[in-house]
């Protein structure tokens, strides 16, 4: 157990200084997207709303059928 803990601590001590370098962004330069309206939110958001409506409509129809059969 002691040997495994020592190995883990040694590994963390060796890797942690490099973590900041690996996660750092390049210095300077223009913003990644210019002019600002370059994020296509509409395509994915519309598909998500349509999928939710289809799922909700199917669920409502099933609930209506179950409620009708129980009467």
Protein backbone atom coordinates (compact mmCIF):
# COMPACT_ATOMS: atom_id res chain seq x y z
CA UNK A 1 0.00 0.00 0.00
CA UNK A 2 2.80 2.39 0.94
CA UNK A 3 4.60 1.65 -2.32
CA UNK A 4 1.49 2.41 -4.41
CA UNK A 5 0.86 5.67 -2.54
CA UNK A 6 4.46 6.71 -3.03
CA UNK A 7 4.23 5.95 -6.75
CA UNK A 8 0.99 7.96 -7.07
CA UNK A 9 2.44 10.96 -5.24
CA UNK A 10 5.61 10.83 -7.34
CA UNK A 11 3.53 10.67 -10.51
CA UNK A 12 1.40 13.63 -9.42
CA UNK A 13 4.51 15.61 -8.49
CA UNK A 14 6.02 14.99 -11.92
CA UNK A 15 2.87 15.64 -13.99
CA UNK A 16 1.38 18.65 -12.20
CA UNK A 17 3.99 21.20 -13.37
CA UNK A 18 3.26 20.20 -16.97
CA UNK A 19 -0.51 20.47 -16.58
CA UNK A 20 -0.45 24.26 -16.69
CA UNK A 21 1.65 24.21 -19.86
CA UNK A 22 -0.64 21.71 -21.56
CA UNK A 23 -3.80 23.68 -20.73
CA UNK A 24 -2.43 27.13 -21.55
CA UNK A 25 -3.66 29.05 -24.57
CA UNK A 26 -1.30 30.70 -27.03
CA UNK A 27 -0.26 34.25 -26.25
CA UNK A 28 -1.78 37.12 -28.22
CA UNK A 29 -3.40 37.00 -31.63
CA UNK A 30 -6.87 37.94 -32.78
CA UNK A 31 -9.97 36.45 -31.16
CA UNK A 32 -10.84 33.02 -32.53
CA UNK A 33 -13.96 34.27 -34.28
CA UNK A 34 -14.46 37.73 -35.65
CA UNK A 35 -17.07 39.28 -36.28
CA UNK A 36 -18.97 37.98 -33.22
CA UNK A 37 -22.07 36.35 -34.79
CA UNK A 38 -20.19 33.24 -35.91
CA UNK A 39 -21.57 30.72 -33.41
CA UNK A 40 -24.36 28.71 -35.10
CA UNK A 41 -26.65 28.29 -32.09
CA UNK A 42 -29.84 28.12 -34.16
CA UNK A 43 -29.19 24.80 -35.92
CA UNK A 44 -28.66 22.71 -32.81
CA UNK A 45 -31.20 24.57 -30.71
CA UNK A 46 -33.93 24.15 -33.32
CA UNK A 47 -33.23 20.41 -33.57
CA UNK A 48 -33.37 20.11 -29.78
CA UNK A 49 -36.71 21.94 -29.59
CA UNK A 50 -38.19 19.80 -32.39
CA UNK A 51 -36.99 16.61 -30.68
CA UNK A 52 -38.55 17.76 -27.40
CA UNK A 53 -41.85 18.54 -29.10
CA UNK A 54 -41.94 15.14 -30.81
CA UNK A 55 -41.08 13.34 -27.57
CA UNK A 56 -43.62 15.35 -25.56
CA UNK A 57 -46.32 14.87 -28.18
CA UNK A 58 -45.80 11.12 -28.21
CA UNK A 59 -45.85 10.99 -24.42
CA UNK A 60 -49.06 13.07 -24.29
CA UNK A 61 -50.72 10.81 -26.90
CA UNK A 62 -49.79 7.69 -24.92
CA UNK A 63 -51.15 9.22 -21.70
CA UNK A 64 -54.39 10.15 -23.50
CA UNK A 65 -54.75 6.58 -24.82
CA UNK A 66 -54.13 5.04 -21.40
CA UNK A 67 -56.58 7.40 -19.73
CA UNK A 68 -59.23 6.64 -22.39
CA UNK A 69 -58.87 2.86 -21.97
CA UNK A 70 -59.26 2.99 -18.19
CA UNK A 71 -62.68 4.67 -18.37
